[in-house]
């Protein structure tokens, strides 16, 4: 199964790192600066979605445990790949070629690549009088919803495979599809309008 996540708003997929004096919350990216979403985070979101389905008796306990394991334990071989933008391979290969050209090499610098996909937003806390609280100013880097700057720019889409150690049964596929319908928010600052997403699956064609 191939997972597709479309951004419906900007996304802050925090890396837990910061850049002193520049960014307080950094986004996870590859060595070039192209954004990515770690598979373990997606797995956590889908596990929580499966628990929610179980609470409403929409799936069986056996199906959830077979997919994600018992509480506190790892699942029996389910694996979520790291998700990359759909144009990742093309962009990565282009950057590799540009690195070999002295005139274009500067455009492969991490901050330049990040500026193509991301932006830095500033937030601060406001007190009861509508005045900014001291020492609450924060700069966060976000992955922009739109890919490109022209009027025809489309929502950025991330893709990655989801696999089981054995053959995936139809019941397991349906569980993943239901979980995808529930996962509509992810990342940091979800209460501030970030991280609205649309998840969907497609079958992986045999080569």
C-alpha atoms as a PDB file:
ATOM      1  CA  UNK A   1       0.000   0.000   0.000  1.00  0.00           C
ATOM      2  CA  UNK A   2       1.220   3.479  -0.832  1.00  0.00           C
ATOM      3  CA  UNK A   3       0.277   6.308   1.507  1.00  0.00           C
ATOM      4  CA  UNK A   4      -0.394   9.772   0.118  1.00  0.00           C
ATOM      5  CA  UNK A   5      -0.618  12.836   2.388  1.00  0.00           C
ATOM      6  CA  UNK A   6      -1.787  16.094   0.826  1.00  0.00           C
ATOM      7  CA  UNK A   7      -1.268  19.336   2.735  1.00  0.00           C
ATOM      8  CA  UNK A   8      -4.461  21.350   3.198  1.00  0.00           C
ATOM      9  CA  UNK A   9      -2.598  23.940   5.266  1.00  0.00           C
ATOM     10  CA  UNK A  10       0.998  24.692   6.172  1.00  0.00           C
ATOM     11  CA  UNK A  11       2.620  21.946   8.249  1.00  0.00           C
ATOM     12  CA  UNK A  12       5.150  22.072  11.078  1.00  0.00           C
ATOM     13  CA  UNK A  13       6.686  18.586  11.154  1.00  0.00           C
ATOM     14  CA  UNK A  14       9.101  19.529  13.946  1.00  0.00           C
ATOM     15  CA  UNK A  15      12.500  17.885  14.199  1.00  0.00           C
ATOM     16  CA  UNK A  16      13.056  18.791  17.850  1.00  0.00           C
ATOM     17  CA  UNK A  17      15.950  21.034  16.822  1.00  0.00           C
ATOM     18  CA  UNK A  18      16.443  24.790  16.598  1.00  0.00           C
ATOM     19  CA  UNK A  19      18.800  27.275  14.947  1.00  0.00           C
ATOM     20  CA  UNK A  20      20.015  29.706  17.607  1.00  0.00           C
ATOM     21  CA  UNK A  21      18.762  33.215  16.976  1.00  0.00           C
ATOM     22  CA  UNK A  22      16.948  32.237  13.784  1.00  0.00           C
ATOM     23  CA  UNK A  23      14.421  29.416  14.239  1.00  0.00           C
ATOM     24  CA  UNK A  24      13.052  28.068  17.530  1.00  0.00           C
ATOM     25  CA  UNK A  25      11.237  25.127  15.932  1.00  0.00           C
ATOM     26  CA  UNK A  26      12.917  23.418  12.998  1.00  0.00           C
ATOM     27  CA  UNK A  27      11.342  21.143  10.374  1.00  0.00           C
ATOM     28  CA  UNK A  28      12.616  17.665   9.545  1.00  0.00           C
ATOM     29  CA  UNK A  29      14.428  17.585   6.205  1.00  0.00           C
ATOM     30  CA  UNK A  30      17.004  15.620   4.229  1.00  0.00           C
ATOM     31  CA  UNK A  31      20.665  16.771   3.896  1.00  0.00           C
ATOM     32  CA  UNK A  32      19.708  19.108   1.036  1.00  0.00           C
ATOM     33  CA  UNK A  33      16.879  20.757   2.965  1.00  0.00           C
ATOM     34  CA  UNK A  34      13.975  19.001   1.213  1.00  0.00           C
ATOM     35  CA  UNK A  35      11.213  18.368   3.801  1.00  0.00           C
ATOM     36  CA  UNK A  36      10.249  14.869   4.855  1.00  0.00           C
ATOM     37  CA  UNK A  37       7.885  13.193   7.324  1.00  0.00           C
ATOM     38  CA  UNK A  38       9.384  10.336   9.396  1.00  0.00           C
ATOM     39  CA  UNK A  39       7.443   7.092   9.090  1.00  0.00           C
ATOM     40  CA  UNK A  40       7.425   6.471  12.853  1.00  0.00           C
ATOM     41  CA  UNK A  41       5.336   9.621  13.357  1.00  0.00           C
ATOM     42  CA  UNK A  42       2.802   8.488  10.793  1.00  0.00           C
ATOM     43  CA  UNK A  43       2.650   5.090  12.467  1.00  0.00           C
ATOM     44  CA  UNK A  44       1.883   6.769  15.790  1.00  0.00           C
ATOM     45  CA  UNK A  45      -0.953   8.772  14.250  1.00  0.00           C
ATOM     46  CA  UNK A  46      -2.437   5.661  12.655  1.00  0.00           C
ATOM     47  CA  UNK A  47      -2.165   3.719  15.911  1.00  0.00           C
ATOM     48  CA  UNK A  48      -4.127   6.473  17.698  1.00  0.00           C
ATOM     49  CA  UNK A  49      -6.710   6.457  14.890  1.00  0.00           C
ATOM     50  CA  UNK A  50      -7.078   2.672  15.246  1.00  0.00           C
ATOM     51  CA  UNK A  51      -7.689   3.070  18.998  1.00  0.00           C
ATOM     52  CA  UNK A  52     -10.386   5.627  18.247  1.00  0.00           C
ATOM     53  CA  UNK A  53     -12.055   3.240  15.814  1.00  0.00           C
ATOM     54  CA  UNK A  54     -11.900   0.539  18.463  1.00  0.00           C
ATOM     55  CA  UNK A  55     -13.573   2.782  21.060  1.00  0.00           C
ATOM     56  CA  UNK A  56     -16.523   3.207  18.710  1.00  0.00           C
ATOM     57  CA  UNK A  57     -16.608  -0.532  17.904  1.00  0.00           C
ATOM     58  CA  UNK A  58     -15.902   0.167  14.243  1.00  0.00           C
ATOM     59  CA  UNK A  59     -13.082  -2.402  14.147  1.00  0.00           C
ATOM     60  CA  UNK A  60     -12.250  -5.474  16.207  1.00  0.00           C
ATOM     61  CA  UNK A  61      -9.654  -5.540  18.969  1.00  0.00           C
ATOM     62  CA  UNK A  62      -8.042  -8.511  17.259  1.00  0.00           C
ATOM     63  CA  UNK A  63      -7.614  -6.540  14.020  1.00  0.00           C
ATOM     64  CA  UNK A  64      -5.983  -3.592  15.805  1.00  0.00           C
ATOM     65  CA  UNK A  65      -3.635  -5.795  17.840  1.00  0.00           C
ATOM     66  CA  UNK A  66      -2.716  -7.829  14.775  1.00  0.00           C
ATOM     67  CA  UNK A  67      -1.777  -4.621  12.957  1.00  0.00           C
ATOM     68  CA  UNK A  68      -0.166  -2.513  15.698  1.00  0.00           C
ATOM     69  CA  UNK A  69       0.572  -4.994  18.494  1.00  0.00           C
ATOM     70  CA  UNK A  70      -0.497  -5.058  22.132  1.00  0.00           C
ATOM     71  CA  UNK A  71      -0.441  -1.827  24.214  1.00  0.00           C
ATOM     72  CA  UNK A  72       3.165  -0.919  24.965  1.00  0.00           C
ATOM     73  CA  UNK A  73       4.502  -3.310  22.331  1.00  0.00           C
ATOM     74  CA  UNK A  74       5.581  -2.898  18.736  1.00  0.00           C
ATOM     75  CA  UNK A  75       3.345  -4.189  15.972  1.00  0.00           C
ATOM     76  CA  UNK A  76       4.112  -7.467  14.170  1.00  0.00           C
ATOM     77  CA  UNK A  77       6.182  -6.053  11.363  1.00  0.00           C
ATOM     78  CA  UNK A  78       4.088  -3.130  10.078  1.00  0.00           C
ATOM     79  CA  UNK A  79       6.415  -0.516   8.648  1.00  0.00           C
ATOM     80  CA  UNK A  80       5.778   3.046   7.458  1.00  0.00           C
ATOM     81  CA  UNK A  81       8.417   4.424   5.091  1.00  0.00           C
ATOM     82  CA  UNK A  82       9.631   7.990   5.437  1.00  0.00           C
ATOM     83  CA  UNK A  83       7.371  10.191   3.315  1.00  0.00           C
ATOM     84  CA  UNK A  84       8.923  12.527   0.742  1.00  0.00           C
ATOM     85  CA  UNK A  85       7.422  15.092  -1.669  1.00  0.00           C
ATOM     86  CA  UNK A  86       6.223  13.458  -4.884  1.00  0.00           C
ATOM     87  CA  UNK A  87       8.956  15.216  -6.867  1.00  0.00           C
ATOM     88  CA  UNK A  88      11.670  14.210  -4.400  1.00  0.00           C
ATOM     89  CA  UNK A  89      13.781  11.969  -6.629  1.00  0.00           C
ATOM     90  CA  UNK A  90      13.719  14.487  -9.472  1.00  0.00           C
ATOM     91  CA  UNK A  91      14.666  17.366  -7.154  1.00  0.00           C
ATOM     92  CA  UNK A  92      17.414  15.394  -5.404  1.00  0.00           C
ATOM     93  CA  UNK A  93      18.996  14.341  -8.698  1.00  0.00           C
ATOM     94  CA  UNK A  94      18.824  17.916  -9.985  1.00  0.00           C
ATOM     95  CA  UNK A  95      20.576  19.215  -6.867  1.00  0.00           C
ATOM     96  CA  UNK A  96      23.300  16.596  -7.277  1.00  0.00           C
ATOM     97  CA  UNK A  97      23.941  17.797 -10.817  1.00  0.00           C
ATOM     98  CA  UNK A  98      23.946  21.437  -9.719  1.00  0.00           C
ATOM     99  CA  UNK A  99      26.557  20.670  -7.082  1.00  0.00           C
ATOM    100  CA  UNK A 100      29.005  19.861  -9.873  1.00  0.00           C
ATOM    101  CA  UNK A 101      28.533  23.274 -11.480  1.00  0.00           C
ATOM    102  CA  UNK A 102      30.421  26.129  -9.798  1.00  0.00           C
ATOM    103  CA  UNK A 103      27.907  28.727 -11.018  1.00  0.00           C
ATOM    104  CA  UNK A 104      24.878  26.769  -9.761  1.00  0.00           C
ATOM    105  CA  UNK A 105      26.381  25.230  -6.635  1.00  0.00           C
ATOM    106  CA  UNK A 106      25.212  28.085  -4.401  1.00  0.00           C
ATOM    107  CA  UNK A 107      21.601  27.189  -5.204  1.00  0.00           C
ATOM    108  CA  UNK A 108      22.104  23.777  -3.568  1.00  0.00           C
ATOM    109  CA  UNK A 109      22.793  25.285  -0.149  1.00  0.00           C
ATOM    110  CA  UNK A 110      20.380  24.001   2.478  1.00  0.00           C
ATOM    111  CA  UNK A 111      18.813  27.356   3.337  1.00  0.00           C
ATOM    112  CA  UNK A 112      18.126  28.115  -0.333  1.00  0.00           C
ATOM    113  CA  UNK A 113      16.450  24.734  -0.879  1.00  0.00           C
ATOM    114  CA  UNK A 114      14.398  25.196   2.269  1.00  0.00           C
ATOM    115  CA  UNK A 115      13.131  28.537   0.996  1.00  0.00           C
ATOM    116  CA  UNK A 116      11.611  26.721  -1.994  1.00  0.00           C
ATOM    117  CA  UNK A 117       9.492  24.470   0.233  1.00  0.00           C
ATOM    118  CA  UNK A 118       9.243  26.311   3.526  1.00  0.00           C
ATOM    119  CA  UNK A 119       8.740  29.611   5.301  1.00  0.00           C
ATOM    120  CA  UNK A 120       9.433  30.979   8.785  1.00  0.00           C
ATOM    121  CA  UNK A 121       6.449  32.228  10.793  1.00  0.00           C
ATOM    122  CA  UNK A 122       6.535  34.311  13.966  1.00  0.00           C
ATOM    123  CA  UNK A 123       4.199  33.742  16.909  1.00  0.00           C
ATOM    124  CA  UNK A 124       3.839  35.320  20.316  1.00  0.00           C
ATOM    125  CA  UNK A 125       1.472  34.997  23.283  1.00  0.00           C
ATOM    126  CA  UNK A 126      -1.049  37.805  23.867  1.00  0.00           C
ATOM    127  CA  UNK A 127      -2.213  38.755  27.364  1.00  0.00           C
ATOM    128  CA  UNK A 128      -5.737  39.732  28.456  1.00  0.00           C
ATOM    129  CA  UNK A 129      -5.088  43.335  27.409  1.00  0.00           C
ATOM    130  CA  UNK A 130      -4.111  42.369  23.898  1.00  0.00           C
ATOM    131  CA  UNK A 131      -0.428  43.063  24.499  1.00  0.00           C
ATOM    132  CA  UNK A 132       2.330  40.624  23.613  1.00  0.00           C
ATOM    133  CA  UNK A 133       3.788  38.814  26.625  1.00  0.00           C
ATOM    134  CA  UNK A 134       7.483  39.277  27.167  1.00  0.00           C
ATOM    135  CA  UNK A 135       9.846  36.480  26.113  1.00  0.00           C
ATOM    136  CA  UNK A 136       7.138  34.603  24.184  1.00  0.00           C
ATOM    137  CA  UNK A 137       8.238  35.473  20.642  1.00  0.00           C
ATOM    138  CA  UNK A 138       8.906  32.281  18.670  1.00  0.00           C
ATOM    139  CA  UNK A 139      10.033  31.694  15.095  1.00  0.00           C
ATOM    140  CA  UNK A 140       8.834  28.415  13.627  1.00  0.00           C
ATOM    141  CA  UNK A 141       9.655  26.931  10.260  1.00  0.00           C
ATOM    142  CA  UNK A 142       6.715  25.436   8.372  1.00  0.00           C
ATOM    143  CA  UNK A 143       6.331  23.407   5.197  1.00  0.00           C
ATOM    144  CA  UNK A 144       4.206  25.523   2.868  1.00  0.00           C
ATOM    145  CA  UNK A 145       0.928  24.072   1.658  1.00  0.00           C
ATOM    146  CA  UNK A 146       1.445  25.285  -1.896  1.00  0.00           C
ATOM    147  CA  UNK A 147       4.339  23.948  -3.937  1.00  0.00           C
ATOM    148  CA  UNK A 148       5.678  26.828  -6.009  1.00  0.00           C
ATOM    149  CA  UNK A 149       4.798  30.500  -6.132  1.00  0.00           C
ATOM    150  CA  UNK A 150       2.695  30.930  -9.270  1.00  0.00           C
ATOM    151  CA  UNK A 151      -1.084  30.934  -9.534  1.00  0.00           C
ATOM    152  CA  UNK A 152      -1.121  27.308 -10.710  1.00  0.00           C
ATOM    153  CA  UNK A 153       0.778  26.080  -7.646  1.00  0.00           C
ATOM    154  CA  UNK A 154      -0.713  22.873  -6.243  1.00  0.00           C
ATOM    155  CA  UNK A 155      -0.869  21.522  -2.719  1.00  0.00           C
ATOM    156  CA  UNK A 156       2.317  19.762  -1.676  1.00  0.00           C
ATOM    157  CA  UNK A 157       1.924  15.976  -1.509  1.00  0.00           C
ATOM    158  CA  UNK A 158       4.071  13.482   0.403  1.00  0.00           C
ATOM    159  CA  UNK A 159       4.199   9.770  -0.429  1.00  0.00           C
ATOM    160  CA  UNK A 160       5.645   6.614   1.088  1.00  0.00           C
ATOM    161  CA  UNK A 161       4.992   2.882   1.299  1.00  0.00           C
ATOM    162  CA  UNK A 162       3.354   0.953   4.130  1.00  0.00           C
ATOM    163  CA  UNK A 163       4.336  -2.682   4.425  1.00  0.00           C
ATOM    164  CA  UNK A 164       3.772  -5.747   6.579  1.00  0.00           C
ATOM    165  CA  UNK A 165       6.266  -8.527   7.241  1.00  0.00           C
ATOM    166  CA  UNK A 166       3.794 -10.889   5.576  1.00  0.00           C
ATOM    167  CA  UNK A 167       1.056 -10.535   2.975  1.00  0.00           C
ATOM    168  CA  UNK A 168      -1.415  -7.761   3.762  1.00  0.00           C
ATOM    169  CA  UNK A 169      -4.942  -9.138   4.064  1.00  0.00           C
ATOM    170  CA  UNK A 170      -8.060  -7.318   2.958  1.00  0.00           C
ATOM    171  CA  UNK A 171      -9.150  -6.718   6.583  1.00  0.00           C
ATOM    172  CA  UNK A 172      -5.820  -5.034   7.290  1.00  0.00           C
ATOM    173  CA  UNK A 173      -6.100  -2.880   4.170  1.00  0.00           C
ATOM    174  CA  UNK A 174      -9.553  -1.722   5.232  1.00  0.00           C
ATOM    175  CA  UNK A 175      -8.275  -0.886   8.715  1.00  0.00           C
ATOM    176  CA  UNK A 176      -5.534   1.305   7.241  1.00  0.00           C
ATOM    177  CA  UNK A 177      -8.016   3.024   4.916  1.00  0.00           C
ATOM    178  CA  UNK A 178     -10.334   3.800   7.866  1.00  0.00           C
ATOM    179  CA  UNK A 179      -7.399   5.143   9.863  1.00  0.00           C
ATOM    180  CA  UNK A 180      -6.431   7.378   6.939  1.00  0.00           C
ATOM    181  CA  UNK A 181      -9.917   8.880   6.940  1.00  0.00           C
ATOM    182  CA  UNK A 182      -9.552   9.796  10.625  1.00  0.00           C
ATOM    183  CA  UNK A 183      -6.049  11.279  10.444  1.00  0.00           C
ATOM    184  CA  UNK A 184      -6.797  14.860   9.426  1.00  0.00           C
ATOM    185  CA  UNK A 185      -4.273  16.774  11.538  1.00  0.00           C
ATOM    186  CA  UNK A 186      -0.606  16.220  12.268  1.00  0.00           C
ATOM    187  CA  UNK A 187       2.534  17.998  13.399  1.00  0.00           C
ATOM    188  CA  UNK A 188       2.946  20.903  15.811  1.00  0.00           C
ATOM    189  CA  UNK A 189       0.717  23.964  16.300  1.00  0.00           C
ATOM    190  CA  UNK A 190      -2.403  22.148  15.157  1.00  0.00           C
ATOM    191  CA  UNK A 191      -4.513  24.515  17.286  1.00  0.00           C
ATOM    192  CA  UNK A 192      -3.108  27.459  15.341  1.00  0.00           C
ATOM    193  CA  UNK A 193      -4.253  26.359  11.906  1.00  0.00           C
ATOM    194  CA  UNK A 194      -1.301  24.203  10.925  1.00  0.00           C
ATOM    195  CA  UNK A 195      -1.194  20.546   9.993  1.00  0.00           C
ATOM    196  CA  UNK A 196      -4.500  20.018   8.174  1.00  0.00           C
ATOM    197  CA  UNK A 197      -3.975  17.050   5.860  1.00  0.00           C
ATOM    198  CA  UNK A 198      -5.799  14.567   3.652  1.00  0.00           C
ATOM    199  CA  UNK A 199      -4.568  10.962   3.795  1.00  0.00           C
ATOM    200  CA  UNK A 200      -5.337   8.285   1.220  1.00  0.00           C
ATOM    201  CA  UNK A 201      -3.992   4.939   0.014  1.00  0.00           C
ATOM    202  CA  UNK A 202      -3.344   3.326  -3.322  1.00  0.00           C
ATOM    203  CA  UNK A 203      -2.233  -0.166  -4.255  1.00  0.00           C
ATOM    204  CA  UNK A 204       1.406  -0.688  -5.221  1.00  0.00           C
ATOM    205  CA  UNK A 205       1.559  -2.166  -8.691  1.00  0.00           C
ATOM    206  CA  UNK A 206       3.839  -5.159  -9.134  1.00  0.00           C
ATOM    207  CA  UNK A 207       6.739  -4.407 -11.455  1.00  0.00           C
END
